[in-house]
Amino acid sequence: MEFTAQMIAGLIGGTVVGDPEAKVNNFAKIEEGKPGCISFLANDKYEQYIYQTESSVVLVNENFEPKQEIKATLIKVPNAREAVAKLLQIYESMKPKREGISDLAFIDPSAKIGEKCYIGPFVAIAEGVEIGEGCVLHPHVTIGRNAKVGADTEIYSNAVIYHDCQVGNRCVLHAGCVIGADGFGFEPTEEGYKKIPQIGIAIIEDDVEIGANTCVDRAVMGATVVHSGVKIDNLVQIAHNDEIGSHTVMSAQVGIAGSTKVGEWCMFGGQVGIAGHATIANRVMAGAQAGIPNSIRKEGAAVQGTPAIDARNFWKSSAIVKNLPDVWADINQMKKEIKMLKEQLDKVEN
């Protein structure tokens, strides 16, 4: 697919500066640009590359004013990062969707498969399963009995949806992710740990994306729920009976213990850990490796550190910690001086 700068500007509401007939057919980072590619500049730290790039077209913020001559055609937009995201979405939507069912797939006769689906080789679909129209199931996907998958959902290779679980419309489940495995429930006894049956389910609502090798466990009873619009990175653990609020995002290796309720529009950095039975308010932001042992009730709170504290206090504390060896040396020196003063006072008094 090939587009002119003028066509692209029309799609994203931009203004062309340069050759409106400049043609592009691919995307590239601005520092790796080649002829025929479109790039973007949204961060001033990368401005140097716009004067060197070989890309034919570059998206820039409308307030950008070049300090040198630029070979590329510019398209000025209110927000270059948002504009390139919109273009990528348009590009992705224009790709032809695969359809058809491989002869090497196994589909139980009782399963219901919607129209215009693609089901790849070695996909296994058990009894009672319902698959919505327009779904794409890549090779080696496994769907357990009585599970339901909504329309236009894409599931990549080796992902597993356990029995009775539900996945909504327009979701993306990446390779190796597991929906509905047993929660980690064991009762200690004198003979050892006895398994507590996990008889609930996991529910993934609409427009959720779940990364590779991420696990959303089924509930002990009831349901583990990931609400609409949630975006979860690779290698994340959502434990049994958790509830994740709409539009929350989580980076890699986040771990949330059981029966925790996370609010809407929260943002968790990599390796954030949250204890079980906690309640996290809406729009809470937790920095990378934050350890959250208790509930956070304040909406919009920003926390960092282990145990997590207010982010600003964490950074102040971190600055002090770096100076602790010097502070310790000063304290020891002060102790010596105080001891000397006491000894001198004792001599005067005697």
Protein backbone atom coordinates (compact mmCIF):
# COMPACT_ATOMS: atom_id res chain seq x y z
CA MET A 1 0.00 0.00 0.00
CA GLU A 2 1.34 3.40 -0.99
CA PHE A 3 0.13 6.82 0.20
CA THR A 4 1.06 10.41 -0.60
CA ALA A 5 1.77 12.97 2.07
CA GLN A 6 -1.43 14.78 1.11
CA MET A 7 -3.51 11.60 1.54
CA ILE A 8 -1.97 10.98 4.97
CA ALA A 9 -2.58 14.57 6.04
CA GLY A 10 -6.22 14.14 5.10
CA LEU A 11 -6.53 11.00 7.23
CA ILE A 12 -5.10 12.60 10.38
CA GLY A 13 -6.05 16.26 9.93
CA GLY A 14 -2.52 17.51 9.30
CA THR A 15 -0.87 20.23 7.22
CA VAL A 16 1.77 19.37 4.61
CA VAL A 17 5.02 21.34 4.55
CA GLY A 18 6.99 20.30 1.47
CA ASP A 19 6.06 17.97 -1.37
CA PRO A 20 2.40 16.89 -1.05
CA GLU A 21 3.07 14.07 -3.58
CA ALA A 22 5.87 12.47 -1.52
CA LYS A 23 5.05 8.77 -1.40
CA VAL A 24 5.44 6.32 1.49
CA ASN A 25 4.73 2.62 1.89
CA ASN A 26 6.26 1.78 5.27
CA PHE A 27 7.00 3.05 8.78
CA ALA A 28 10.42 3.62 10.35
CA LYS A 29 11.94 5.16 13.45
CA ILE A 30 13.27 8.60 12.62
CA GLU A 31 16.89 7.57 13.28
CA GLU A 32 16.51 4.57 10.95
CA GLY A 33 14.49 6.26 8.21
CA LYS A 34 14.77 5.22 4.57
CA PRO A 35 13.22 6.58 1.36
CA GLY A 36 9.59 5.57 1.11
CA CYS A 37 9.14 5.51 4.90
CA ILE A 38 7.15 7.73 7.24
CA SER A 39 8.57 8.61 10.66
CA PHE A 40 7.56 10.90 13.51
CA LEU A 41 9.19 13.34 15.92
CA ALA A 42 7.41 13.78 19.25
CA ASN A 43 10.36 14.17 21.64
CA ASP A 44 12.83 17.05 21.45
CA LYS A 45 15.67 14.68 22.41
CA TYR A 46 15.39 13.15 18.92
CA GLU A 47 15.32 16.43 17.00
CA GLN A 48 18.86 15.92 15.70
CA TYR A 49 17.65 12.99 13.59
CA ILE A 50 15.11 14.98 11.63
CA TYR A 51 17.96 16.80 9.87
CA GLN A 52 19.63 13.50 8.96
CA THR A 53 16.74 11.11 8.32
CA GLU A 54 16.23 9.54 4.92
CA SER A 55 12.49 9.09 5.54
CA SER A 56 10.32 10.68 2.86
CA VAL A 57 7.73 12.04 5.33
CA VAL A 58 7.94 12.96 9.01
CA LEU A 59 5.05 13.75 11.35
CA VAL A 60 5.82 16.63 13.70
CA ASN A 61 3.93 18.66 16.28
CA GLU A 62 2.36 21.79 14.82
CA ASN A 63 4.58 24.06 16.94
CA PHE A 64 7.81 22.51 15.58
CA GLU A 65 10.14 25.00 13.87
CA PRO A 66 13.25 23.53 12.21
CA LYS A 67 16.66 25.01 12.98
CA GLN A 68 18.24 23.61 9.81
CA GLU A 69 17.18 22.50 6.36
CA ILE A 70 15.15 19.29 6.27
CA LYS A 71 15.01 17.00 3.23
CA ALA A 72 11.83 15.21 4.27
CA THR A 73 8.29 16.44 3.73
CA LEU A 74 6.69 17.37 7.04
CA ILE A 75 3.11 16.85 8.14
CA LYS A 76 2.26 19.12 11.06
CA VAL A 77 -0.35 17.80 13.50
CA PRO A 78 -1.53 18.79 17.00
CA ASN A 79 0.09 15.68 18.54
CA ALA A 80 2.58 13.63 16.51
CA ARG A 81 2.48 10.61 18.83
CA GLU A 82 -1.31 10.37 18.65
CA ALA A 83 -1.21 10.88 14.87
CA VAL A 84 1.22 8.02 14.26
CA ALA A 85 -0.85 5.77 16.53
CA LYS A 86 -3.93 6.58 14.44
CA LEU A 87 -2.03 5.87 11.23
CA LEU A 88 -0.81 2.52 12.53
CA GLN A 89 -4.38 1.60 13.47
CA ILE A 90 -5.58 2.53 9.97
CA TYR A 91 -2.72 0.55 8.42
CA GLU A 92 -3.52 -2.50 10.54
CA SER A 93 -7.23 -2.33 9.72
CA MET A 94 -6.49 -2.32 5.98
CA LYS A 95 -4.65 -5.64 6.10
CA PRO A 96 -6.83 -8.44 4.68
CA LYS A 97 -8.15 -10.77 7.37
CA ARG A 98 -7.57 -14.48 7.05
CA GLU A 99 -10.62 -16.71 6.89
CA GLY A 100 -11.25 -20.44 6.79
CA ILE A 101 -10.81 -23.49 8.97
CA SER A 102 -7.75 -25.68 8.65
CA ASP A 103 -8.28 -29.38 8.01
CA LEU A 104 -5.82 -29.98 10.83
CA ALA A 105 -7.94 -28.19 13.45
CA PHE A 106 -10.15 -30.15 15.85
CA ILE A 107 -13.60 -28.68 16.48
CA ASP A 108 -16.13 -30.58 18.54
CA PRO A 109 -19.40 -30.98 16.63
CA SER A 110 -21.31 -29.20 19.42
CA ALA A 111 -19.19 -26.03 19.13
CA LYS A 112 -20.66 -22.96 17.44
CA ILE A 113 -18.29 -21.06 15.14
CA GLY A 114 -19.25 -17.61 13.80
CA GLU A 115 -18.87 -16.51 10.21
CA LYS A 116 -15.64 -15.21 8.66
CA CYS A 117 -13.40 -16.84 11.28
CA TYR A 118 -9.90 -18.16 10.75
CA ILE A 119 -9.00 -21.31 12.69
CA GLY A 120 -5.43 -22.46 12.13
CA PRO A 121 -3.79 -25.89 12.20
CA PHE A 122 -3.89 -27.86 15.46
CA VAL A 123 -6.38 -25.55 17.14
CA ALA A 124 -8.49 -27.57 19.62
CA ILE A 125 -12.04 -26.43 20.37
CA ALA A 126 -13.94 -28.49 22.94
CA GLU A 127 -17.63 -29.26 23.35
CA GLY A 128 -20.08 -26.43 23.92
CA VAL A 129 -17.67 -23.68 22.88
CA GLU A 130 -19.02 -20.53 21.22
CA ILE A 131 -16.75 -18.47 18.93
CA GLY A 132 -18.02 -15.12 17.62
CA GLU A 133 -17.77 -14.02 14.01
CA GLY A 134 -14.54 -12.65 12.60
CA CYS A 135 -12.28 -14.31 15.18
CA VAL A 136 -8.72 -15.34 14.35
CA LEU A 137 -7.33 -18.38 16.18
CA HIS A 138 -3.69 -19.05 15.33
CA PRO A 139 -2.17 -22.57 15.37
CA HIS A 140 -2.19 -24.57 18.61
CA VAL A 141 -4.79 -22.44 20.42
CA THR A 142 -6.85 -24.46 22.92
CA ILE A 143 -10.40 -23.52 23.94
CA GLY A 144 -11.88 -25.56 26.81
CA ARG A 145 -15.42 -26.85 27.07
CA ASN A 146 -18.27 -24.35 27.26
CA ALA A 147 -15.92 -21.37 26.93
CA LYS A 148 -17.13 -18.33 25.00
CA VAL A 149 -15.16 -15.97 22.76
CA GLY A 150 -16.72 -12.78 21.39
CA ALA A 151 -16.56 -11.37 17.87
CA ASP A 152 -13.37 -10.08 16.19
CA THR A 153 -11.07 -11.44 18.88
CA GLU A 154 -7.59 -12.62 17.92
CA ILE A 155 -5.86 -15.39 19.85
CA TYR A 156 -2.22 -16.21 19.14
CA SER A 157 -0.48 -19.57 19.18
CA ASN A 158 -0.41 -21.71 22.31
CA ALA A 159 -2.81 -19.48 24.23
CA VAL A 160 -5.29 -21.44 26.35
CA ILE A 161 -8.79 -20.54 27.49
CA TYR A 162 -9.92 -22.98 30.16
CA HIS A 163 -13.40 -24.45 30.49
CA ASP A 164 -16.38 -22.15 31.12
CA CYS A 165 -14.34 -18.95 30.86
CA GLN A 166 -15.43 -15.96 28.79
CA VAL A 167 -13.53 -13.61 26.50
CA GLY A 168 -15.26 -10.57 25.00
CA ASN A 169 -15.31 -8.81 21.66
CA ARG A 170 -12.27 -7.31 19.94
CA CYS A 171 -9.80 -8.76 22.42
CA VAL A 172 -6.21 -9.78 21.69
CA LEU A 173 -4.65 -12.69 23.56
CA HIS A 174 -0.97 -13.11 22.79
CA ALA A 175 1.04 -16.31 22.56
CA GLY A 176 1.10 -18.53 25.59
CA CYS A 177 -1.30 -16.54 27.73
CA VAL A 178 -3.62 -18.60 29.94
CA ILE A 179 -7.14 -17.60 30.91
CA GLY A 180 -8.77 -19.55 33.72
CA ALA A 181 -6.06 -21.76 35.15
CA ASP A 182 -6.65 -22.71 38.79
CA GLY A 183 -5.98 -20.05 41.37
CA PHE A 184 -3.25 -20.79 43.90
CA GLY A 185 -5.42 -22.20 46.66
CA PHE A 186 -4.16 -24.76 49.17
CA GLU A 187 -5.06 -25.54 52.77
CA PRO A 188 -2.21 -26.59 55.08
CA THR A 189 -2.91 -29.80 57.02
CA GLU A 190 -0.80 -32.19 59.08
CA GLU A 191 -0.46 -34.38 55.99
CA GLY A 192 0.57 -31.51 53.71
CA TYR A 193 -1.18 -28.99 51.53
CA LYS A 194 -4.65 -29.93 50.32
CA LYS A 195 -5.89 -28.34 47.13
CA ILE A 196 -8.95 -26.09 47.39
CA PRO A 197 -11.01 -26.67 44.23
CA GLN A 198 -11.29 -23.55 42.11
CA ILE A 199 -14.85 -23.76 40.81
CA GLY A 200 -15.27 -20.20 39.55
CA ILE A 201 -14.40 -18.75 36.15
CA ALA A 202 -12.42 -15.92 34.55
CA ILE A 203 -14.17 -13.22 32.53
CA ILE A 204 -12.33 -10.97 30.08
CA GLU A 205 -14.56 -8.13 28.87
CA ASP A 206 -14.42 -6.27 25.52
CA ASP A 207 -11.36 -4.55 24.00
CA VAL A 208 -8.85 -6.13 26.37
CA GLU A 209 -5.31 -6.98 25.24
CA ILE A 210 -3.31 -9.54 27.22
CA GLY A 211 0.41 -10.10 26.63
CA ALA A 212 2.41 -13.25 26.03
CA ASN A 213 2.65 -15.74 28.90
CA THR A 214 0.36 -13.72 31.11
CA CYS A 215 -2.03 -15.62 33.40
CA VAL A 216 -5.50 -14.66 34.59
CA ASP A 217 -6.56 -17.29 37.12
CA ARG A 218 -10.11 -18.52 37.61
CA ALA A 219 -11.92 -17.71 40.84
CA VAL A 220 -12.38 -19.99 43.82
CA MET A 221 -16.06 -19.13 43.51
CA GLY A 222 -17.66 -16.49 41.32
CA ALA A 223 -15.39 -14.84 38.78
CA THR A 224 -12.05 -13.18 38.26
CA VAL A 225 -12.93 -10.17 36.09
CA VAL A 226 -10.82 -8.04 33.76
CA HIS A 227 -13.05 -5.18 32.70
CA SER A 228 -13.24 -3.52 29.30
CA GLY A 229 -10.30 -1.67 27.78
CA VAL A 230 -7.63 -3.11 30.08
CA LYS A 231 -4.16 -3.52 28.53
CA ILE A 232 -1.83 -6.05 30.14
CA ASP A 233 1.80 -6.63 29.17
CA ASN A 234 3.73 -9.93 29.01
CA LEU A 235 4.45 -12.08 32.07
CA VAL A 236 1.77 -10.62 34.34
CA GLN A 237 -0.04 -12.62 37.04
CA ILE A 238 -3.67 -11.86 37.90
CA ALA A 239 -4.70 -14.13 40.76
CA HIS A 240 -8.04 -15.69 41.66
CA ASN A 241 -11.03 -13.45 42.38
CA ASP A 242 -9.21 -10.28 41.36
CA GLU A 243 -11.16 -7.51 39.66
CA ILE A 244 -9.30 -5.16 37.32
CA GLY A 245 -11.06 -1.89 36.52
CA SER A 246 -11.65 -0.62 33.00
CA HIS A 247 -8.76 0.94 31.06
CA THR A 248 -6.12 0.01 33.60
CA VAL A 249 -2.68 -0.75 32.13
CA MET A 250 0.09 -2.97 33.52
CA SER A 251 3.69 -3.40 32.43
CA ALA A 252 5.64 -6.65 32.45
CA GLN A 253 5.94 -8.84 35.54
CA VAL A 254 3.23 -7.13 37.56
CA GLY A 255 1.83 -9.55 40.15
CA ILE A 256 -1.52 -9.10 41.87
CA ALA A 257 -2.42 -11.47 44.69
CA GLY A 258 -5.90 -12.89 45.17
CA SER A 259 -9.16 -11.06 45.91
CA THR A 260 -7.73 -7.63 45.13
CA LYS A 261 -9.87 -4.97 43.47
CA VAL A 262 -8.08 -2.53 41.18
CA GLY A 263 -9.86 0.65 40.07
CA GLU A 264 -10.26 2.17 36.63
CA TRP A 265 -7.51 3.94 34.64
CA CYS A 266 -4.72 2.78 36.95
CA MET A 267 -1.15 2.53 35.64
CA PHE A 268 1.34 -0.01 37.03
CA GLY A 269 5.00 -0.05 36.01
CA GLY A 270 7.10 -3.18 35.61
CA GLN A 271 7.31 -5.62 38.54
CA VAL A 272 4.72 -3.86 40.70
CA GLY A 273 3.44 -6.25 43.35
CA ILE A 274 0.11 -5.91 45.16
CA ALA A 275 -0.87 -7.93 48.23
CA GLY A 276 -4.09 -9.89 48.41
CA HIS A 277 -7.47 -8.53 49.56
CA ALA A 278 -6.39 -4.93 48.83
CA THR A 279 -8.49 -2.22 47.22
CA ILE A 280 -6.79 0.19 44.82
CA ALA A 281 -8.63 3.40 43.97
CA ASN A 282 -9.18 4.75 40.45
CA ARG A 283 -6.27 6.34 38.56
CA VAL A 284 -3.57 5.18 40.97
CA MET A 285 -0.09 5.23 39.43
CA ALA A 286 2.51 2.80 40.80
CA GLY A 287 6.12 3.14 39.66
CA ALA A 288 8.27 0.18 38.67
CA GLN A 289 8.93 -2.37 41.44
CA ALA A 290 6.53 -0.71 43.85
CA GLY A 291 5.41 -3.12 46.58
CA ILE A 292 1.87 -2.35 47.72
CA PRO A 293 1.04 -4.22 50.96
CA ASN A 294 -2.28 -2.52 51.75
CA SER A 295 -5.19 -0.72 50.14
CA ILE A 296 -4.75 2.67 48.46
CA ARG A 297 -7.96 4.63 48.95
CA LYS A 298 -6.86 7.99 47.53
CA GLU A 299 -7.93 8.41 43.91
CA GLY A 300 -5.08 9.51 41.64
CA ALA A 301 -2.34 8.64 44.17
CA ALA A 302 1.19 8.13 42.81
CA VAL A 303 3.34 5.66 44.75
CA GLN A 304 6.82 4.18 44.51
CA GLY A 305 9.12 1.94 46.53
CA THR A 306 8.69 -1.05 48.85
CA PRO A 307 6.61 -0.71 50.90
CA ALA A 308 5.08 1.82 48.54
CA ILE A 309 4.89 5.44 49.69
CA ASP A 310 4.03 8.72 48.03
CA ALA A 311 6.21 8.98 44.91
CA ARG A 312 7.60 12.42 45.76
CA ASN A 313 8.60 11.28 49.25
CA PHE A 314 10.19 8.17 47.74
CA TRP A 315 12.44 10.22 45.48
CA LYS A 316 13.38 12.54 48.33
CA SER A 317 14.16 9.51 50.49
CA SER A 318 16.19 7.94 47.69
CA ALA A 319 18.30 11.07 47.43
CA ILE A 320 19.01 10.85 51.17
CA VAL A 321 19.82 7.13 51.01
CA LYS A 322 22.53 7.81 48.42
CA ASN A 323 24.20 10.12 50.92
CA LEU A 324 23.90 7.79 53.93
CA PRO A 325 27.62 6.80 54.00
CA ASP A 326 28.58 10.48 54.29
CA VAL A 327 25.84 11.09 56.86
CA TRP A 328 27.05 8.09 58.88
CA ALA A 329 30.61 9.38 58.77
CA ASP A 330 29.43 12.81 59.95
CA ILE A 331 27.46 11.23 62.82
CA ASN A 332 30.49 9.23 63.94
CA GLN A 333 32.62 12.37 63.81
CA MET A 334 30.03 14.26 65.85
CA LYS A 335 29.94 11.43 68.42
CA LYS A 336 33.73 11.65 68.80
CA GLU A 337 33.58 15.42 69.21
CA ILE A 338 30.74 15.19 71.75
CA LYS A 339 32.73 12.60 73.73
CA MET A 340 35.76 14.89 73.71
CA LEU A 341 33.65 17.84 74.92
CA LYS A 342 32.17 15.77 77.74
CA GLU A 343 35.64 14.69 78.84
CA GLN A 344 36.82 18.31 78.84
CA LEU A 345 33.73 19.41 80.86
CA ASP A 346 34.35 16.64 83.37
CA LYS A 347 37.93 17.86 83.85
CA VAL A 348 36.75 21.46 84.42
CA GLU A 349 34.10 20.42 86.92
CA ASN A 350 36.61 18.30 88.83
